[in-house]
Amino acid sequence: MRMINSRELLFARAVIFAVEEINKNSAILNGVTLGYRLYNGCGTESLIRAAIEAVTGGEYCQKRVQALIGHSSSGVSRYINHIVGELEIPQISHLSTCACLSDKSRYPTFFRTVPSDQFQILALVQLMKHFGWQWVGIIHSAEIYAADGVAQFIKQGEAEGICVEYVIRFHKYNTKMKHEVTEKLIASTSNVVLLYMSLSYMKEFFKAVDGNILPRKQWMGSEAWISQIDLASLGSKNILHGAMGFALPKANIPGLTEFLMSLKPSDEPDSVMIKGFWEIFFDCSFSPSNTTKICTGNEDLRTISSAYTNTELRSVGNVYAAVYSIAHALHSLLQCENGSNPSTGKQCVNKTDVQPKQLLEHLKLVNFTTLDGNKVSFDENGDTVAQYELLNWQYEEDDSSDCFVCPVEYWPNEKKDKCILKPTEFLSFKDIMGTSLTFFSCLGVFLSILIFIIFLVHKDTPIVRANNSELSFLLLFSLKLCFLCSLTFIGRPSDWSCMLRHTAFGITFVLCISCVLGKTLVVLMAFRATLPSSNVMKWFGPTQQRLKSFLIVSIEAKFITFSMLIFCGRSGSPLSPL
């Protein structure tokens, strides 16, 4: 469980997002619903099972699948295509970059939405030529992807006058590699080192080599790892600082980030993988444990930094494009005009009779633009248009290679490498301020009730009658409510208290002010009523006074209630940490 690859989880979630988005879009595949099945890409057994089920349909699919997406590894993609290629089932990889896969005689049904390494190698050679770096060393991983890439780099580098001092083949589990690499780097005369490795090998490289004792070098990285900011927690500043390389361009897919960050274990309650991922990144456990805290399942993914939460979404754009490529190819295949397909001129195909070979033919013809503006098409080798961004690792003042803003409810810890929940602060009845406020509120209520009783007992006296007794009683009632409303601001907030305290106080306070306004207007109009032939007082009788107060309070009540419902609804939580 502890070997979970969070980047592969990211790719799987991107497939789900793209499929759901396509199924909701009536402009493409209207009347046809895409389905999918995700396989664990780790281990030979899982890969063989996935390939066999793709061919036979297995126990989960009524028919043979029409296309495959994957794998991330060039070596694995080769083995998969040896199986599905014979059956003319199209395979689209989002991350297999080995130039060897462009050979259609060996991999006839292979396509990819990631550029071939041949373009990356050409760019690296030209970059070194630009800076005049003609004497370099190479350390590469022991895998097909790197071996093929390094061979091409040496060949193209020689044509541009770039010479290679040494080539080291790095093995993950060879304990002697640490000393061999260190000694070679110290003894070498070249100041430029090309690290041509996949991400998994790069992580092992950082664990094996102590960058603090290595001489200062200009490190060049391959596309597979140069943009992976989570490596900063594994490698030393001495290696990563100043490293350069070409990376895939950032993707800006509407709604994808929100979809990825909304993941909760409750979305996939039967998934052991999701629970394992959750336990690793939040350092908790769903099972009772004496060493780790219990996972609630409501932890916020925005507070962690990992390959899954990397919002740059570089290689994820390739997954998104791969799914859409299949959808557009199927959409083209199902078009029918006058009994024939407008793209190929062949006989129309019913949606229940689609064959992988037919989909393969239309996949070669796709040419579309995704919602994020990425243009997708394939050449005769199944390769897409190459696009890269030149990256240069630079540490900031806090020694971080990348920073992200914590959500509103969080702030960084002391090391500034993780977001932690802000402490929730609220006015408690046990606090001095809370106790004082409670005391004065109760005192105000008591005095209001006392005066109310005095007025009630003496309601027929000239003084009370002259003081506009009806508005006076209403004023004293609203004052009691105002004092009581202040108590709702004490204690832990909740959804109901959020709406009650603002709404109730606003209404009672307006009632209080309207009573004062009414009493003031009556006094002013009383003086004007002394003029001859003046009948203005008929508009300020007891009934009119009550009606005016009710009208003012009604308008305010509607306004405050509507405003607070919107405010509390958008805040997402009644608790607003200070």
Protein backbone atom coordinates (compact mmCIF):
# COMPACT_ATOMS: atom_id res chain seq x y z
CA MET A 1 0.00 0.00 0.00
CA ARG A 2 2.87 2.34 0.75
CA MET A 3 4.07 2.10 -2.87
CA ILE A 4 1.08 4.00 -4.23
CA ASN A 5 1.98 6.32 -7.10
CA SER A 6 0.00 9.52 -6.61
CA ARG A 7 0.76 10.69 -10.15
CA GLU A 8 -0.92 7.61 -11.61
CA LEU A 9 -3.93 8.31 -9.41
CA LEU A 10 -3.97 11.79 -10.90
CA PHE A 11 -4.01 10.32 -14.42
CA ALA A 12 -6.83 7.92 -13.53
CA ARG A 13 -8.97 10.73 -12.10
CA ALA A 14 -8.30 12.81 -15.23
CA VAL A 15 -9.68 9.95 -17.36
CA ILE A 16 -12.85 9.87 -15.26
CA PHE A 17 -13.24 13.64 -15.56
CA ALA A 18 -12.81 13.60 -19.34
CA VAL A 19 -15.23 10.70 -19.87
CA GLU A 20 -17.90 12.34 -17.70
CA GLU A 21 -17.41 15.65 -19.50
CA ILE A 22 -17.79 13.99 -22.92
CA ASN A 23 -20.92 12.11 -21.86
CA LYS A 24 -22.51 15.42 -20.80
CA ASN A 25 -21.61 17.13 -24.09
CA SER A 26 -24.34 16.71 -26.68
CA ALA A 27 -22.08 18.14 -29.41
CA ILE A 28 -19.98 14.98 -29.49
CA LEU A 29 -21.18 11.37 -29.48
CA ASN A 30 -24.78 12.39 -28.99
CA GLY A 31 -26.70 9.24 -28.12
CA VAL A 32 -23.55 7.27 -27.30
CA THR A 33 -22.19 6.89 -23.77
CA LEU A 34 -18.50 6.21 -23.22
CA GLY A 35 -17.54 3.63 -20.62
CA TYR A 36 -14.19 2.86 -19.04
CA ARG A 37 -12.38 0.46 -16.77
CA LEU A 38 -9.26 1.41 -14.82
CA TYR A 39 -6.46 -1.07 -14.14
CA ASN A 40 -3.60 -1.02 -11.70
CA GLY A 41 -0.57 -0.45 -13.94
CA CYS A 42 1.94 -1.76 -11.40
CA GLY A 43 3.24 -5.29 -11.72
CA THR A 44 3.36 -7.80 -14.56
CA GLU A 45 0.29 -9.68 -13.39
CA SER A 46 -1.94 -6.61 -13.54
CA LEU A 47 -0.67 -5.64 -16.97
CA ILE A 48 -1.19 -9.09 -18.45
CA ARG A 49 -4.69 -9.25 -17.00
CA ALA A 50 -5.52 -5.82 -18.40
CA ALA A 51 -4.27 -6.76 -21.86
CA ILE A 52 -6.15 -10.08 -21.87
CA GLU A 53 -9.41 -8.46 -20.76
CA ALA A 54 -8.94 -5.81 -23.43
CA VAL A 55 -8.73 -8.54 -26.02
CA THR A 56 -11.45 -10.87 -24.70
CA GLY A 57 -13.76 -8.47 -22.88
CA GLY A 58 -13.33 -10.26 -19.56
CA GLU A 59 -16.08 -10.60 -16.99
CA TYR A 60 -16.80 -6.87 -16.81
CA CYS A 61 -17.29 -5.92 -20.46
CA GLN A 62 -19.89 -7.41 -22.76
CA LYS A 63 -17.66 -6.73 -25.75
CA ARG A 64 -14.00 -6.23 -26.46
CA VAL A 65 -12.77 -2.73 -25.64
CA GLN A 66 -12.33 -0.35 -28.56
CA ALA A 67 -9.13 1.39 -27.38
CA LEU A 68 -6.55 1.51 -24.60
CA ILE A 69 -5.01 4.56 -22.87
CA GLY A 70 -1.55 4.09 -21.36
CA HIS A 71 0.95 3.22 -20.18
CA SER A 72 3.10 5.96 -18.59
CA SER A 73 6.24 3.88 -19.13
CA SER A 74 7.66 3.50 -22.62
CA GLY A 75 8.87 -0.03 -21.88
CA VAL A 76 5.47 -1.16 -20.66
CA SER A 77 3.73 0.48 -23.61
CA ARG A 78 5.92 -1.56 -25.95
CA TYR A 79 4.83 -4.83 -24.35
CA ILE A 80 1.16 -3.84 -24.40
CA ASN A 81 1.27 -2.93 -28.08
CA HIS A 82 2.85 -6.27 -28.94
CA ILE A 83 -0.43 -7.81 -27.72
CA VAL A 84 -3.07 -5.33 -28.89
CA GLY A 85 -1.27 -4.39 -32.10
CA GLU A 86 -1.80 -7.84 -33.57
CA LEU A 87 -5.55 -7.37 -33.05
CA GLU A 88 -5.55 -3.81 -34.44
CA ILE A 89 -6.72 -2.30 -31.17
CA PRO A 90 -5.55 1.35 -30.92
CA GLN A 91 -3.40 2.32 -27.97
CA ILE A 92 -2.83 5.96 -26.94
CA SER A 93 -0.16 6.79 -24.41
CA HIS A 94 -0.05 10.05 -22.49
CA LEU A 95 3.54 9.77 -21.28
CA SER A 96 5.51 7.15 -23.25
CA THR A 97 8.10 9.31 -24.99
CA CYS A 98 10.63 6.80 -26.34
CA ALA A 99 11.34 7.61 -30.00
CA CYS A 100 11.43 3.88 -30.69
CA LEU A 101 7.62 3.77 -30.42
CA SER A 102 7.29 5.79 -33.61
CA ASP A 103 8.27 2.70 -35.60
CA LYS A 104 4.96 1.63 -37.14
CA SER A 105 6.40 -1.66 -38.40
CA ARG A 106 6.85 -2.77 -34.79
CA TYR A 107 4.08 -0.79 -33.05
CA PRO A 108 1.34 -0.43 -35.68
CA THR A 109 -1.50 0.74 -33.42
CA PHE A 110 0.47 3.00 -31.08
CA PHE A 111 -0.37 6.70 -30.75
CA ARG A 112 0.62 9.28 -28.19
CA THR A 113 -0.43 12.72 -27.04
CA VAL A 114 3.02 13.42 -25.59
CA PRO A 115 5.90 14.49 -27.87
CA SER A 116 8.47 11.91 -28.93
CA ASP A 117 11.85 12.14 -27.20
CA GLN A 118 13.44 12.83 -30.54
CA PHE A 119 12.18 16.44 -30.24
CA GLN A 120 13.29 16.79 -26.63
CA ILE A 121 16.77 15.52 -27.46
CA LEU A 122 17.04 17.94 -30.35
CA ALA A 123 16.04 20.78 -28.01
CA LEU A 124 18.58 19.72 -25.34
CA VAL A 125 21.36 19.58 -27.91
CA GLN A 126 20.49 23.02 -29.25
CA LEU A 127 20.31 24.44 -25.70
CA MET A 128 23.79 23.14 -24.86
CA LYS A 129 25.10 24.44 -28.15
CA HIS A 130 23.61 27.86 -27.38
CA PHE A 131 25.48 28.09 -24.06
CA GLY A 132 28.68 26.61 -25.49
CA TRP A 133 28.56 23.49 -23.31
CA GLN A 134 30.56 21.03 -25.42
CA TRP A 135 31.93 18.76 -22.69
CA VAL A 136 29.24 16.89 -20.73
CA GLY A 137 28.62 13.81 -18.61
CA ILE A 138 25.52 11.61 -18.68
CA ILE A 139 23.79 9.61 -15.94
CA HIS A 140 20.77 7.64 -17.11
CA SER A 141 18.39 5.08 -15.68
CA ALA A 142 18.55 1.39 -16.53
CA GLU A 143 15.45 1.29 -18.73
CA ILE A 144 14.52 1.36 -22.41
CA TYR A 145 13.26 4.95 -22.28
CA ALA A 146 16.60 6.31 -21.07
CA ALA A 147 18.89 3.98 -23.03
CA ASP A 148 17.24 4.93 -26.33
CA GLY A 149 17.21 8.63 -25.44
CA VAL A 150 20.87 8.74 -24.45
CA ALA A 151 21.92 6.92 -27.63
CA GLN A 152 20.12 9.55 -29.70
CA PHE A 153 21.57 12.39 -27.65
CA ILE A 154 25.13 11.16 -28.18
CA LYS A 155 24.50 10.80 -31.90
CA GLN A 156 22.94 14.23 -32.36
CA GLY A 157 25.38 15.84 -29.92
CA GLU A 158 28.40 14.68 -31.91
CA ALA A 159 26.92 16.28 -35.03
CA GLU A 160 26.82 19.60 -33.15
CA GLY A 161 30.30 19.31 -31.62
CA ILE A 162 29.17 18.15 -28.16
CA CYS A 163 31.39 15.47 -26.64
CA VAL A 164 30.48 13.09 -23.82
CA GLU A 165 33.06 12.48 -21.08
CA TYR A 166 31.30 9.54 -19.40
CA VAL A 167 28.00 7.64 -19.36
CA ILE A 168 26.79 6.03 -16.11
CA ARG A 169 23.94 3.53 -16.12
CA PHE A 170 22.14 4.02 -12.80
CA HIS A 171 20.45 1.00 -11.19
CA LYS A 172 17.83 1.40 -8.47
CA TYR A 173 18.91 -1.46 -6.24
CA ASN A 174 22.66 -1.51 -6.76
CA THR A 175 24.18 -0.36 -3.44
CA LYS A 176 27.53 0.34 -5.09
CA MET A 177 26.03 2.98 -7.38
CA LYS A 178 26.20 5.66 -4.69
CA HIS A 179 29.99 5.51 -4.47
CA GLU A 180 30.46 5.02 -8.20
CA VAL A 181 28.40 8.08 -9.11
CA THR A 182 29.96 10.25 -6.41
CA GLU A 183 33.53 9.31 -7.35
CA LYS A 184 32.89 9.84 -11.05
CA LEU A 185 31.36 13.29 -10.50
CA ILE A 186 34.22 14.39 -8.26
CA ALA A 187 36.89 13.15 -10.67
CA SER A 188 35.24 14.43 -13.86
CA THR A 189 36.30 17.60 -15.64
CA SER A 190 32.96 18.33 -17.32
CA ASN A 191 30.78 20.90 -15.56
CA VAL A 192 27.52 19.88 -17.24
CA VAL A 193 25.67 16.68 -16.30
CA LEU A 194 22.60 15.34 -18.10
CA LEU A 195 20.32 13.33 -15.80
CA TYR A 196 18.23 11.32 -18.25
CA MET A 197 15.90 9.34 -16.00
CA SER A 198 12.27 8.54 -15.39
CA LEU A 199 10.66 10.01 -12.29
CA SER A 200 10.85 6.81 -10.23
CA TYR A 201 14.58 6.43 -10.93
CA MET A 202 15.17 10.10 -10.16
CA LYS A 203 13.66 9.68 -6.71
CA GLU A 204 15.98 6.74 -6.01
CA PHE A 205 18.92 8.74 -7.34
CA PHE A 206 18.29 11.52 -4.83
CA LYS A 207 18.06 8.98 -2.02
CA ALA A 208 21.30 7.31 -3.03
CA VAL A 209 23.48 10.36 -3.69
CA ASP A 210 24.38 13.00 -1.14
CA GLY A 211 24.22 16.22 -3.10
CA ASN A 212 25.96 18.17 -0.34
CA ILE A 213 29.33 16.54 -1.02
CA LEU A 214 29.15 16.72 -4.80
CA PRO A 215 31.04 19.40 -6.72
CA ARG A 216 29.05 22.26 -8.21
CA LYS A 217 27.67 21.20 -11.61
CA GLN A 218 25.18 22.49 -14.14
CA TRP A 219 22.50 19.82 -14.08
CA MET A 220 20.31 19.19 -17.13
CA GLY A 221 17.09 17.22 -16.69
CA SER A 222 14.89 15.17 -18.97
CA GLU A 223 11.22 15.98 -19.38
CA ALA A 224 10.23 13.02 -17.19
CA TRP A 225 11.31 14.74 -13.95
CA ILE A 226 12.32 18.35 -14.53
CA SER A 227 8.86 19.73 -13.69
CA GLN A 228 8.16 17.50 -10.66
CA ILE A 229 8.27 19.96 -7.76
CA ASP A 230 7.77 17.23 -5.14
CA LEU A 231 11.38 16.16 -5.81
CA ALA A 232 12.47 19.17 -3.77
CA SER A 233 11.66 17.25 -0.59
CA LEU A 234 13.90 14.35 -1.67
CA GLY A 235 16.91 15.90 -3.36
CA SER A 236 19.44 18.40 -2.14
CA LYS A 237 19.46 22.05 -3.01
CA ASN A 238 22.93 21.60 -4.48
CA ILE A 239 21.58 19.43 -7.31
CA LEU A 240 18.24 21.02 -8.08
CA HIS A 241 19.22 24.67 -7.80
CA GLY A 242 19.86 25.98 -11.30
CA ALA A 243 18.83 22.72 -13.03
CA MET A 244 17.46 23.21 -16.54
CA GLY A 245 15.34 21.15 -18.88
CA PHE A 246 12.33 21.07 -21.14
CA ALA A 247 8.90 20.29 -19.74
CA LEU A 248 5.47 19.76 -21.17
CA PRO A 249 3.38 22.95 -21.30
CA LYS A 250 0.90 23.65 -18.53
CA ALA A 251 -2.70 22.67 -19.12
CA ASN A 252 -5.61 24.89 -18.16
CA ILE A 253 -8.62 22.59 -18.31
CA PRO A 254 -11.80 24.23 -16.97
CA GLY A 255 -13.16 22.46 -13.92
CA LEU A 256 -10.44 19.81 -13.69
CA THR A 257 -8.61 21.22 -10.68
CA GLU A 258 -11.85 21.51 -8.72
CA PHE A 259 -12.74 17.94 -9.68
CA LEU A 260 -9.38 16.61 -8.54
CA MET A 261 -9.42 18.51 -5.24
CA SER A 262 -12.97 17.40 -4.43
CA LEU A 263 -11.91 13.76 -4.10
CA LYS A 264 -12.99 12.11 -0.85
CA PRO A 265 -12.68 8.47 0.27
CA SER A 266 -16.48 8.37 0.46
CA ASP A 267 -16.58 8.82 -3.34
CA GLU A 268 -14.98 5.38 -3.74
CA PRO A 269 -15.77 3.57 -0.47
CA ASP A 270 -14.56 0.19 -1.78
CA SER A 271 -11.26 1.48 -3.16
CA VAL A 272 -8.24 0.35 -1.17
CA MET A 273 -6.06 2.56 -3.37
CA ILE A 274 -7.91 5.75 -2.44
CA LYS A 275 -7.73 4.94 1.26
CA GLY A 276 -4.04 4.13 0.97
CA PHE A 277 -3.39 7.41 -0.82
CA TRP A 278 -5.33 9.28 1.85
CA GLU A 279 -3.40 7.67 4.72
CA ILE A 280 -0.02 8.46 3.18
CA PHE A 281 -0.54 12.13 2.45
CA PHE A 282 -2.43 13.04 5.61
CA ASP A 283 -0.32 10.77 7.83
CA CYS A 284 -3.38 9.15 9.34
CA SER A 285 -5.11 5.80 9.42
CA PHE A 286 -8.67 4.60 8.84
CA SER A 287 -7.99 1.78 11.30
CA PRO A 288 -7.46 2.45 15.03
CA SER A 289 -3.77 3.00 15.67
CA ASN A 290 -1.61 4.07 18.60
CA THR A 291 0.97 5.72 16.36
CA THR A 292 -1.10 7.74 13.88
CA LYS A 293 -4.24 9.83 14.07
CA ILE A 294 -7.55 8.62 12.70
CA CYS A 295 -8.50 9.73 9.20
CA THR A 296 -11.84 11.53 9.07
CA GLY A 297 -12.13 11.41 5.28
CA ASN A 298 -12.88 15.14 5.25
CA GLU A 299 -9.26 16.31 5.08
CA ASP A 300 -8.60 19.00 2.46
CA LEU A 301 -6.37 18.02 -0.48
CA ARG A 302 -5.55 21.68 -1.05
CA THR A 303 -3.39 21.66 2.08
CA ILE A 304 -0.81 19.14 0.82
CA SER A 305 1.88 19.32 -1.82
CA SER A 306 2.21 16.20 -3.97
CA ALA A 307 2.15 14.99 -7.55
CA TYR A 308 -1.62 14.63 -7.27
CA THR A 309 -2.20 18.20 -6.10
CA ASN A 310 0.27 19.78 -8.51
CA THR A 311 -1.97 22.41 -10.11
CA GLU A 312 0.35 22.91 -13.11
CA LEU A 313 -1.30 19.85 -14.69
CA ARG A 314 1.36 19.37 -17.35
CA SER A 315 1.15 15.68 -18.29
CA VAL A 316 -2.52 15.55 -17.25
CA GLY A 317 -3.35 17.54 -20.35
CA ASN A 318 -2.09 14.58 -22.40
CA VAL A 319 -4.48 12.20 -20.61
CA TYR A 320 -7.33 14.59 -21.29
CA ALA A 321 -6.35 14.83 -24.97
CA ALA A 322 -6.06 11.03 -25.26
CA VAL A 323 -9.63 10.48 -24.04
CA TYR A 324 -10.94 13.16 -26.37
CA SER A 325 -9.00 11.66 -29.29
CA ILE A 326 -10.87 8.39 -28.88
CA ALA A 327 -14.18 10.24 -28.53
CA HIS A 328 -13.58 12.29 -31.69
CA ALA A 329 -12.47 9.22 -33.63
CA LEU A 330 -15.62 7.37 -32.57
CA HIS A 331 -17.73 10.41 -33.38
CA SER A 332 -16.20 10.55 -36.88
CA LEU A 333 -16.73 6.83 -37.37
CA LEU A 334 -20.44 7.04 -36.55
CA GLN A 335 -21.18 9.88 -38.96
CA CYS A 336 -23.40 8.91 -41.87
CA GLU A 337 -24.47 10.87 -44.95
CA ASN A 338 -26.39 9.21 -47.77
CA GLY A 339 -25.41 5.76 -46.57
CA SER A 340 -21.66 6.38 -46.35
CA ASN A 341 -19.15 7.87 -43.94
CA PRO A 342 -18.17 11.44 -44.99
CA SER A 343 -14.54 11.00 -43.85
CA THR A 344 -13.69 7.69 -45.53
CA GLY A 345 -16.51 7.14 -48.04
CA LYS A 346 -17.08 3.67 -46.64
CA GLN A 347 -20.39 2.17 -45.61
CA CYS A 348 -21.98 3.61 -42.47
CA VAL A 349 -21.34 1.82 -39.17
CA ASN A 350 -23.98 1.18 -36.51
CA LYS A 351 -22.96 2.17 -32.98
CA THR A 352 -23.48 -1.40 -31.78
CA ASP A 353 -21.16 -2.85 -34.43
CA VAL A 354 -18.04 -0.73 -33.92
CA GLN A 355 -14.78 -2.64 -34.34
CA PRO A 356 -11.34 -1.51 -33.04
CA LYS A 357 -9.94 -1.66 -36.58
CA GLN A 358 -12.52 0.88 -37.74
CA LEU A 359 -11.78 3.16 -34.78
CA LEU A 360 -8.06 2.88 -35.56
CA GLU A 361 -8.65 4.16 -39.08
CA HIS A 362 -10.49 7.26 -37.85
CA LEU A 363 -8.00 7.88 -35.05
CA LYS A 364 -5.40 8.63 -37.70
CA LEU A 365 -7.68 11.37 -39.06
CA VAL A 366 -8.58 13.22 -35.84
CA ASN A 367 -7.89 16.94 -35.83
CA PHE A 368 -9.57 18.94 -33.09
CA THR A 369 -8.99 21.55 -30.38
CA THR A 370 -9.67 20.74 -26.72
CA LEU A 371 -11.51 23.09 -24.38
CA ASP A 372 -8.19 24.43 -23.08
CA GLY A 373 -7.07 25.39 -26.60
CA ASN A 374 -4.75 22.44 -27.25
CA LYS A 375 -4.72 21.33 -30.90
CA VAL A 376 -4.57 17.54 -31.28
CA SER A 377 -3.69 15.54 -34.38
CA PHE A 378 -1.38 12.64 -35.28
CA ASP A 379 1.20 12.27 -38.03
CA GLU A 380 1.93 9.07 -39.95
CA ASN A 381 3.96 7.77 -36.99
CA GLY A 382 1.19 8.35 -34.47
CA ASP A 383 3.07 11.31 -32.94
CA THR A 384 1.54 14.61 -31.96
CA VAL A 385 2.92 18.13 -32.40
CA ALA A 386 5.82 18.81 -29.99
CA GLN A 387 5.49 21.68 -27.51
CA TYR A 388 7.83 22.37 -24.59
CA GLU A 389 8.56 24.97 -21.94
CA LEU A 390 12.12 25.66 -20.79
CA LEU A 391 12.37 25.37 -17.00
CA ASN A 392 15.09 26.57 -14.65
CA TRP A 393 14.97 25.54 -10.99
CA GLN A 394 15.45 28.53 -8.68
CA TYR A 395 15.02 28.36 -4.93
CA GLU A 396 13.23 31.17 -3.14
CA GLU A 397 14.22 32.78 0.12
CA ASP A 398 12.62 29.96 2.13
CA ASP A 399 14.63 27.36 0.12
CA SER A 400 11.49 26.21 -1.66
CA SER A 401 11.43 25.50 -5.37
CA ASP A 402 7.73 26.15 -5.53
CA CYS A 403 5.20 27.87 -3.29
CA PHE A 404 1.44 27.71 -3.23
CA VAL A 405 -1.06 29.82 -1.34
CA CYS A 406 -2.81 28.12 1.56
CA PRO A 407 -6.63 28.08 1.51
CA VAL A 408 -8.46 30.71 3.55
CA GLU A 409 -9.00 28.39 6.53
CA TYR A 410 -5.31 27.38 6.68
CA TRP A 411 -1.88 28.90 7.19
CA PRO A 412 1.68 27.52 6.78
CA ASN A 413 3.46 25.68 9.57
CA GLU A 414 6.76 26.87 11.06
CA LYS A 415 8.80 25.17 8.33
CA LYS A 416 6.49 26.65 5.68
CA ASP A 417 6.28 23.32 3.89
CA LYS A 418 2.71 22.40 4.76
CA CYS A 419 -0.65 24.08 5.32
CA ILE A 420 -2.24 23.53 8.74
CA LEU A 421 -5.72 24.44 9.92
CA LYS A 422 -5.95 27.79 11.66
CA PRO A 423 -7.11 27.62 15.30
CA THR A 424 -10.79 28.48 15.54
CA GLU A 425 -11.35 31.46 17.83
CA PHE A 426 -14.74 32.55 19.09
CA LEU A 427 -16.17 34.47 22.04
CA SER A 428 -16.84 32.02 24.86
CA PHE A 429 -19.12 32.42 27.86
CA LYS A 430 -16.11 31.49 30.00
CA ASP A 431 -13.96 34.37 28.70
CA ILE A 432 -13.84 37.64 30.60
CA MET A 433 -15.21 39.53 27.62
CA GLY A 434 -17.92 36.94 27.08
CA THR A 435 -18.88 36.99 30.76
CA SER A 436 -18.95 40.80 30.80
CA LEU A 437 -21.10 40.95 27.68
CA THR A 438 -23.51 38.39 29.16
CA PHE A 439 -23.78 40.39 32.39
CA PHE A 440 -24.53 43.71 30.66
CA SER A 441 -26.99 42.02 28.28
CA CYS A 442 -28.91 40.51 31.19
CA LEU A 443 -28.78 43.86 33.00
CA GLY A 444 -30.22 45.61 29.94
CA VAL A 445 -33.01 43.02 29.68
CA PHE A 446 -33.80 43.40 33.40
CA LEU A 447 -34.00 47.21 33.20
CA SER A 448 -36.17 47.02 30.07
CA ILE A 449 -38.58 44.61 31.79
CA LEU A 450 -38.62 46.78 34.94
CA ILE A 451 -39.53 49.93 33.01
CA PHE A 452 -42.07 47.93 30.97
CA ILE A 453 -43.79 46.82 34.20
CA ILE A 454 -43.77 50.37 35.61
CA PHE A 455 -45.33 51.72 32.43
CA LEU A 456 -47.89 48.92 32.41
CA VAL A 457 -48.92 49.58 36.01
CA HIS A 458 -49.24 53.31 35.36
CA LYS A 459 -50.55 53.13 31.78
CA ASP A 460 -53.58 55.33 32.55
CA THR A 461 -51.58 58.15 34.09
CA PRO A 462 -51.16 61.40 32.11
CA ILE A 463 -47.37 61.03 31.93
CA VAL A 464 -47.48 57.57 30.33
CA ARG A 465 -50.34 58.50 27.99
CA ALA A 466 -48.51 61.67 26.93
CA ASN A 467 -45.40 59.57 26.22
CA ASN A 468 -47.19 57.67 23.43
CA SER A 469 -47.68 54.48 25.44
CA GLU A 470 -48.17 52.10 22.47
CA LEU A 471 -44.85 53.01 20.84
CA SER A 472 -43.18 53.05 24.26
CA PHE A 473 -44.23 49.45 24.97
CA LEU A 474 -43.09 48.42 21.47
CA LEU A 475 -39.77 50.25 21.98
CA LEU A 476 -39.15 48.52 25.33
CA PHE A 477 -39.97 45.14 23.72
CA SER A 478 -37.48 45.74 20.89
CA LEU A 479 -34.81 46.85 23.38
CA LYS A 480 -35.17 43.55 25.26
CA LEU A 481 -34.70 41.64 22.01
CA CYS A 482 -31.63 43.72 21.09
CA PHE A 483 -30.00 42.89 24.41
CA LEU A 484 -30.85 39.19 24.00
CA CYS A 485 -29.49 39.13 20.42
CA SER A 486 -26.02 39.99 21.69
CA LEU A 487 -25.96 36.59 23.46
CA THR A 488 -26.17 34.81 20.09
CA PHE A 489 -22.68 36.15 19.28
CA ILE A 490 -21.22 34.22 22.21
CA GLY A 491 -20.31 30.53 21.92
CA ARG A 492 -19.23 28.28 19.03
CA PRO A 493 -20.95 29.42 15.81
CA SER A 494 -23.21 27.12 13.83
CA ASP A 495 -25.22 27.41 10.62
CA TRP A 496 -28.32 28.41 12.56
CA SER A 497 -26.57 30.92 14.81
CA CYS A 498 -24.92 32.47 11.76
CA MET A 499 -28.29 33.24 10.23
CA LEU A 500 -30.10 33.97 13.52
CA ARG A 501 -27.74 36.48 15.09
CA HIS A 502 -27.42 38.78 12.10
CA THR A 503 -31.02 38.52 10.98
CA ALA A 504 -32.59 38.83 14.45
CA PHE A 505 -30.40 41.73 15.53
CA GLY A 506 -30.98 43.60 12.29
CA ILE A 507 -34.75 43.26 12.56
CA THR A 508 -35.00 44.12 16.27
CA PHE A 509 -32.66 47.07 15.92
CA VAL A 510 -34.69 48.46 13.01
CA LEU A 511 -37.86 47.98 15.07
CA CYS A 512 -36.24 49.95 17.87
CA ILE A 513 -35.18 52.77 15.54
CA SER A 514 -38.60 52.85 13.85
CA CYS A 515 -40.27 53.32 17.27
CA VAL A 516 -37.93 56.21 18.11
CA LEU A 517 -38.57 57.70 14.68
CA GLY A 518 -42.33 57.37 15.16
CA LYS A 519 -42.25 59.06 18.57
CA THR A 520 -40.12 61.88 17.15
CA LEU A 521 -42.44 62.46 14.20
CA VAL A 522 -45.47 62.56 16.50
CA VAL A 523 -43.84 65.29 18.61
CA LEU A 524 -42.91 67.32 15.52
CA MET A 525 -46.36 66.97 13.98
CA ALA A 526 -48.00 67.92 17.29
CA PHE A 527 -46.48 71.39 17.05
CA ARG A 528 -47.60 71.76 13.44
CA ALA A 529 -51.10 70.65 14.35
CA THR A 530 -51.56 73.80 16.44
CA LEU A 531 -51.83 75.83 13.24
CA PRO A 532 -55.38 76.83 12.14
CA SER A 533 -57.12 74.43 9.74
CA SER A 534 -54.34 71.82 10.15
CA ASN A 535 -55.48 68.18 10.08
CA VAL A 536 -52.04 66.56 9.81
CA MET A 537 -52.46 64.60 13.05
CA LYS A 538 -54.98 62.29 11.46
CA TRP A 539 -52.01 60.61 9.67
CA PHE A 540 -50.19 59.98 12.97
CA GLY A 541 -52.75 58.17 15.03
CA PRO A 542 -51.97 54.88 16.87
CA THR A 543 -53.00 52.74 13.90
CA GLN A 544 -50.85 54.73 11.45
CA GLN A 545 -47.89 54.58 13.83
CA ARG A 546 -48.10 50.80 14.13
CA LEU A 547 -48.48 50.46 10.36
CA LYS A 548 -45.39 52.61 9.63
CA SER A 549 -43.27 50.60 12.09
CA PHE A 550 -44.49 47.31 10.60
CA LEU A 551 -43.75 48.51 7.06
CA ILE A 552 -40.19 49.61 7.90
CA VAL A 553 -39.46 46.38 9.78
CA SER A 554 -40.89 44.24 6.96
CA ILE A 555 -38.63 45.85 4.35
CA GLU A 556 -35.58 45.47 6.56
CA ALA A 557 -36.47 41.87 7.46
CA LYS A 558 -36.69 40.85 3.81
CA PHE A 559 -33.41 42.56 2.96
CA ILE A 560 -31.44 41.16 5.91
CA THR A 561 -32.85 37.64 5.59
CA PHE A 562 -32.01 37.47 1.88
CA SER A 563 -28.50 38.89 2.42
CA MET A 564 -27.61 36.57 5.28
CA LEU A 565 -28.87 33.46 3.52
CA ILE A 566 -26.54 34.26 0.63
CA PHE A 567 -23.62 35.13 2.93
CA CYS A 568 -23.88 32.03 5.09
CA GLY A 569 -24.46 29.83 2.05
CA ARG A 570 -21.31 31.04 0.28
CA SER A 571 -19.06 30.95 3.31
CA GLY A 572 -19.27 27.15 3.26
CA SER A 573 -18.73 26.99 7.00
CA PRO A 574 -20.03 29.01 9.92
CA LEU A 575 -16.59 28.82 11.48
CA SER A 576 -14.32 31.54 10.22
CA PRO A 577 -10.91 31.05 11.90
CA LEU A 578 -9.18 34.25 12.84
